Amino acid sequence: MRGFTKFVLHLVPTFLVLWLVFLGGRCIAQEVDVPTGRGSGSVVAPTGWAELIAPVQQRIDLKFSGFYIGELKAPSAQFDATFRATKFLSITPSYLYYSVPADGLNELANHSGGFTHTYEEHQFRIDGTIMFSVHKFEISERNMYVRRFLPTYMYGGKSLPEKEINRYRNRIAVAYPLAIGSHIWKPFASYEAFYDQGSGWTKNRAWTGVTVPIEKHVSFQPSYMWENTNGIKDVRYLMFGLIFRMPSR
């Protein structure tokens, strides 16, 4: 068993690189927004993702993530650096890139031919998360500031200019550790609201799932997320992720 763990950890960097190359080669995370839309109804989006957590100091972790939303053909890559300021507070600056092809945008907006080019967005974010426990329930509240860099894009035959806008996100989450055999499973649930500059409260997200340890440094996380965004279809994500955590030095 120890030999298998070492083998998996040895393959982690190669696996993550290949995963991200695969994503980039084919074109959010669960961050997809349509710049202008009028969609109604919903779309089911199977999503695969992988995450590598690398502790660099006792209070600092680096995290690299790659996602691919199959139904929308939308990949993304994300980098986080988490600083645990106190026992209850962590600060995380991060960067996110994602792209959505024209057919994915038209699917969400329910507008055939409205979008003609791939949409790409860059985001720089910083958040503060407060964490505490109540009778084994692990509760957290995250407040995030996002600077969104929206590119020039085509919609309805018109070129719309690039711009930068601010976003605020607030998420409340709860998890509960369960001892199953010799492992600790951790079911979780969260609710998050998004506020965009000039548009108000534009998005709501509910997420639930469970983190299941496979080996000491490898976990599997199946989950379901429902997302409602003004102007586009609801998205129902069926997500399957692998989490690799490198051992502390």
Protein backbone atom coordinates (compact mmCIF):
# COMPACT_ATOMS: atom_id res chain seq x y z
CA MET A 1 0.00 0.00 0.00
CA ARG A 2 2.81 2.43 0.84
CA GLY A 3 4.46 1.56 -2.45
CA PHE A 4 1.26 2.41 -4.31
CA THR A 5 1.03 5.77 -2.51
CA LYS A 6 4.60 6.66 -3.46
CA PHE A 7 3.88 5.61 -7.03
CA VAL A 8 0.78 7.86 -7.21
CA LEU A 9 2.62 10.83 -5.72
CA HIS A 10 5.46 10.32 -8.18
CA LEU A 11 2.95 10.55 -11.03
CA VAL A 12 1.05 13.58 -9.68
CA PRO A 13 3.05 16.33 -11.45
CA THR A 14 2.97 14.45 -14.76
CA PHE A 15 -0.74 13.70 -14.41
CA LEU A 16 -1.64 17.31 -13.69
CA VAL A 17 0.43 18.66 -16.57
CA LEU A 18 -1.15 16.19 -18.98
CA TRP A 19 -4.60 17.06 -17.66
CA LEU A 20 -4.07 20.78 -18.19
CA VAL A 21 -2.58 20.21 -21.64
CA PHE A 22 -5.65 18.13 -22.50
CA LEU A 23 -7.91 20.97 -21.40
CA GLY A 24 -6.01 23.63 -23.27
CA GLY A 25 -5.78 21.53 -26.40
CA ARG A 26 -9.56 21.18 -26.55
CA CYS A 27 -9.99 24.83 -26.09
CA ILE A 28 -14.53 27.10 -15.55
CA ALA A 29 -14.13 25.79 -13.99
CA GLN A 30 -17.69 26.17 -12.87
CA GLU A 31 -17.31 29.89 -13.51
CA VAL A 32 -18.81 30.18 -16.97
CA ASP A 33 -20.65 33.43 -17.63
CA VAL A 34 -22.29 34.52 -20.88
CA PRO A 35 -21.63 38.23 -21.53
CA THR A 36 -25.12 38.83 -22.96
CA GLY A 37 -27.90 36.29 -22.97
CA ARG A 38 -31.58 35.55 -22.70
CA GLY A 39 -31.56 31.84 -21.96
CA SER A 40 -34.18 29.94 -19.99
CA GLY A 41 -34.42 26.34 -18.87
CA SER A 42 -31.38 24.37 -17.81
CA VAL A 43 -28.45 22.36 -19.09
CA VAL A 44 -26.76 19.37 -17.46
CA ALA A 45 -22.97 19.67 -17.58
CA PRO A 46 -20.70 16.73 -16.65
CA THR A 47 -17.48 18.22 -15.30
CA GLY A 48 -14.10 16.65 -14.62
CA TRP A 49 -11.39 18.33 -12.61
CA ALA A 50 -8.06 17.71 -10.93
CA GLU A 51 -6.33 19.61 -8.14
CA LEU A 52 -2.80 19.54 -6.77
CA ILE A 53 -2.13 21.03 -3.32
CA ALA A 54 1.52 21.69 -2.52
CA PRO A 55 2.40 22.86 1.03
CA VAL A 56 5.43 25.17 0.89
CA GLN A 57 5.50 26.26 4.54
CA GLN A 58 3.54 25.44 7.68
CA ARG A 59 1.01 28.19 6.96
CA ILE A 60 1.22 28.43 3.15
CA ASP A 61 -0.26 26.13 0.49
CA LEU A 62 -0.11 26.47 -3.29
CA LYS A 63 -2.93 24.96 -5.32
CA PHE A 64 -3.14 24.25 -9.06
CA SER A 65 -6.48 23.22 -10.60
CA GLY A 66 -7.80 22.28 -14.03
CA PHE A 67 -11.47 21.86 -15.01
CA TYR A 68 -13.37 20.81 -18.11
CA ILE A 69 -17.14 21.23 -18.55
CA GLY A 70 -18.04 18.62 -21.12
CA GLU A 71 -21.46 19.84 -22.27
CA LEU A 72 -20.14 23.35 -22.94
CA LYS A 73 -16.63 22.31 -24.08
CA ALA A 74 -15.28 24.87 -21.62
CA PRO A 75 -11.88 24.43 -19.90
CA SER A 76 -10.27 26.51 -17.20
CA ALA A 77 -7.10 26.67 -15.14
CA GLN A 78 -6.71 28.19 -11.68
CA PHE A 79 -3.84 28.98 -9.32
CA ASP A 80 -4.28 29.76 -5.59
CA ALA A 81 -1.89 30.67 -2.79
CA THR A 82 -3.46 30.22 0.65
CA PHE A 83 -1.97 31.95 3.70
CA ARG A 84 -3.33 30.86 7.09
CA ALA A 85 -3.10 34.10 9.02
CA THR A 86 -4.61 32.68 12.24
CA LYS A 87 -6.32 29.50 13.39
CA PHE A 88 -9.63 30.87 12.14
CA LEU A 89 -8.65 33.08 9.17
CA SER A 90 -7.01 32.37 5.82
CA ILE A 91 -6.23 34.77 2.96
CA THR A 92 -6.09 33.49 -0.63
CA PRO A 93 -5.04 35.49 -3.71
CA SER A 94 -5.78 33.57 -6.90
CA TYR A 95 -5.89 33.70 -10.70
CA LEU A 96 -8.44 32.06 -13.01
CA TYR A 97 -8.57 31.68 -16.77
CA TYR A 98 -11.43 30.10 -18.69
CA SER A 99 -12.76 29.97 -22.24
CA VAL A 100 -16.11 29.00 -23.74
CA PRO A 101 -16.53 28.29 -27.49
CA ALA A 102 -19.30 29.97 -29.45
CA ASP A 103 -21.56 26.91 -29.47
CA GLY A 104 -21.30 26.66 -25.67
CA LEU A 105 -22.26 30.33 -25.30
CA ASN A 106 -25.20 29.91 -27.66
CA GLU A 107 -26.34 26.85 -25.71
CA LEU A 108 -26.40 28.84 -22.45
CA ALA A 109 -28.00 31.92 -24.01
CA ASN A 110 -30.47 29.83 -26.02
CA HIS A 111 -29.66 32.00 -29.04
CA SER A 112 -28.48 30.11 -32.11
CA GLY A 113 -25.78 32.01 -33.97
CA GLY A 114 -25.69 34.95 -31.56
CA PHE A 115 -22.08 34.25 -30.60
CA THR A 116 -19.54 33.55 -33.32
CA HIS A 117 -16.20 33.44 -31.47
CA THR A 118 -14.74 31.79 -28.38
CA TYR A 119 -15.08 33.89 -25.23
CA GLU A 120 -12.09 34.06 -22.88
CA GLU A 121 -11.89 35.68 -19.47
CA HIS A 122 -9.13 36.32 -16.92
CA GLN A 123 -9.87 36.91 -13.25
CA PHE A 124 -7.66 38.06 -10.40
CA ARG A 125 -9.20 37.39 -7.01
CA ILE A 126 -8.48 37.65 -3.30
CA ASP A 127 -10.59 36.25 -0.51
CA GLY A 128 -10.72 36.00 3.25
CA THR A 129 -12.22 32.87 4.81
CA ILE A 130 -13.28 32.50 8.44
CA MET A 131 -13.44 28.89 9.67
CA PHE A 132 -14.70 27.44 12.96
CA SER A 133 -16.28 24.26 14.32
CA VAL A 134 -19.52 23.65 16.21
CA HIS A 135 -20.07 20.08 17.50
CA LYS A 136 -17.86 18.65 14.73
CA PHE A 137 -19.63 20.68 12.05
CA GLU A 138 -16.93 22.59 10.14
CA ILE A 139 -18.37 25.96 9.16
CA SER A 140 -16.76 28.58 6.95
CA GLU A 141 -17.65 31.93 5.43
CA ARG A 142 -15.71 33.23 2.45
CA ASN A 143 -15.78 36.81 1.15
CA MET A 144 -14.09 37.28 -2.23
CA TYR A 145 -13.20 40.30 -4.36
CA VAL A 146 -12.80 39.57 -8.08
CA ARG A 147 -11.39 41.78 -10.83
CA ARG A 148 -12.83 40.46 -14.10
CA PHE A 149 -11.04 41.22 -17.37
CA LEU A 150 -13.63 40.86 -20.15
CA PRO A 151 -12.25 40.78 -23.70
CA THR A 152 -13.65 42.08 -26.96
CA TYR A 153 -16.22 39.57 -28.21
CA MET A 154 -18.74 39.17 -31.01
CA TYR A 155 -22.47 38.97 -30.34
CA GLY A 156 -25.21 39.25 -32.94
CA GLY A 157 -22.70 40.33 -35.57
CA LYS A 158 -21.44 43.23 -33.43
CA SER A 159 -18.10 43.66 -31.75
CA LEU A 160 -18.47 44.60 -28.09
CA PRO A 161 -15.48 46.30 -26.40
CA GLU A 162 -13.29 44.87 -23.71
CA LYS A 163 -13.79 46.11 -20.17
CA GLU A 164 -12.92 45.46 -16.54
CA ILE A 165 -15.52 45.06 -13.81
CA ASN A 166 -15.55 44.18 -10.12
CA ARG A 167 -17.34 41.21 -8.57
CA TYR A 168 -18.10 40.32 -4.96
CA ARG A 169 -18.79 36.74 -3.86
CA ASN A 170 -20.04 35.48 -0.51
CA ARG A 171 -20.10 31.77 0.32
CA ILE A 172 -21.26 29.95 3.44
CA ALA A 173 -20.25 26.28 3.70
CA VAL A 174 -20.59 23.43 6.17
CA ALA A 175 -18.89 20.03 6.29
CA TYR A 176 -19.09 17.10 8.70
CA PRO A 177 -16.41 14.40 9.09
CA LEU A 178 -17.72 10.83 9.17
CA ALA A 179 -15.61 7.85 10.23
CA ILE A 180 -16.18 5.03 7.75
CA GLY A 181 -13.90 2.12 8.41
CA SER A 182 -10.37 3.46 8.74
CA HIS A 183 -11.09 6.56 6.64
CA ILE A 184 -12.75 9.92 7.24
CA TRP A 185 -15.36 10.83 4.63
CA LYS A 186 -16.43 14.46 4.57
CA PRO A 187 -19.85 15.38 3.11
CA PHE A 188 -20.30 19.10 2.53
CA ALA A 189 -22.80 21.70 1.33
CA SER A 190 -22.51 25.38 0.47
CA TYR A 191 -24.44 28.36 -0.83
CA GLU A 192 -22.84 31.28 -2.67
CA ALA A 193 -24.13 34.60 -4.04
CA PHE A 194 -22.42 36.81 -6.65
CA TYR A 195 -22.67 40.59 -7.04
CA ASP A 196 -21.39 42.22 -10.26
CA GLN A 197 -20.58 45.90 -10.59
CA GLY A 198 -23.34 47.64 -12.54
CA SER A 199 -25.60 44.55 -12.62
CA GLY A 200 -26.34 43.74 -8.99
CA TRP A 201 -26.84 40.22 -7.65
CA THR A 202 -26.40 38.15 -10.80
CA LYS A 203 -25.72 34.56 -9.74
CA ASN A 204 -26.62 32.02 -7.06
CA ARG A 205 -24.94 28.67 -6.49
CA ALA A 206 -25.75 25.67 -4.31
CA TRP A 207 -23.22 22.84 -4.06
CA THR A 208 -23.16 19.50 -2.26
CA GLY A 209 -20.92 16.47 -2.37
CA VAL A 210 -18.52 14.31 -0.41
CA THR A 211 -14.73 14.07 -0.20
CA VAL A 212 -13.56 10.46 -0.05
CA PRO A 213 -9.93 9.56 0.76
CA ILE A 214 -8.42 6.98 -1.59
CA GLU A 215 -4.91 7.02 -0.20
CA LYS A 216 -3.11 9.17 2.36
CA HIS A 217 -2.47 11.95 -0.15
CA VAL A 218 -5.21 11.29 -2.73
CA SER A 219 -8.96 11.99 -2.48
CA PHE A 220 -11.93 11.58 -4.80
CA GLN A 221 -14.77 14.10 -4.75
CA PRO A 222 -18.09 13.48 -6.52
CA SER A 223 -20.49 16.42 -6.21
CA TYR A 224 -23.53 18.18 -7.64
CA MET A 225 -23.86 21.91 -8.19
CA TRP A 226 -26.85 23.99 -9.25
CA GLU A 227 -26.15 27.46 -10.61
CA ASN A 228 -28.61 30.18 -11.58
CA THR A 229 -27.31 33.21 -13.52
CA ASN A 230 -29.41 36.12 -14.74
CA GLY A 231 -29.95 35.99 -18.50
CA ILE A 232 -28.75 32.44 -19.19
CA LYS A 233 -29.87 28.88 -18.59
CA ASP A 234 -29.44 27.27 -15.21
CA VAL A 235 -26.46 24.91 -15.14
CA ARG A 236 -26.57 21.62 -13.26
CA TYR A 237 -23.02 20.36 -12.83
CA LEU A 238 -22.28 16.68 -12.23
CA MET A 239 -18.69 16.91 -11.04
CA PHE A 240 -16.01 14.30 -10.47
CA GLY A 241 -12.66 15.44 -9.12
CA LEU A 242 -9.33 14.09 -7.95
CA ILE A 243 -7.42 15.92 -5.21
CA PHE A 244 -3.70 15.29 -4.76
CA ARG A 245 -1.94 16.69 -1.71
CA MET A 246 1.83 16.58 -1.66
CA PRO A 247 3.33 15.65 1.73
CA SER A 248 4.66 18.49 3.89
CA ARG A 249 8.41 18.91 3.92
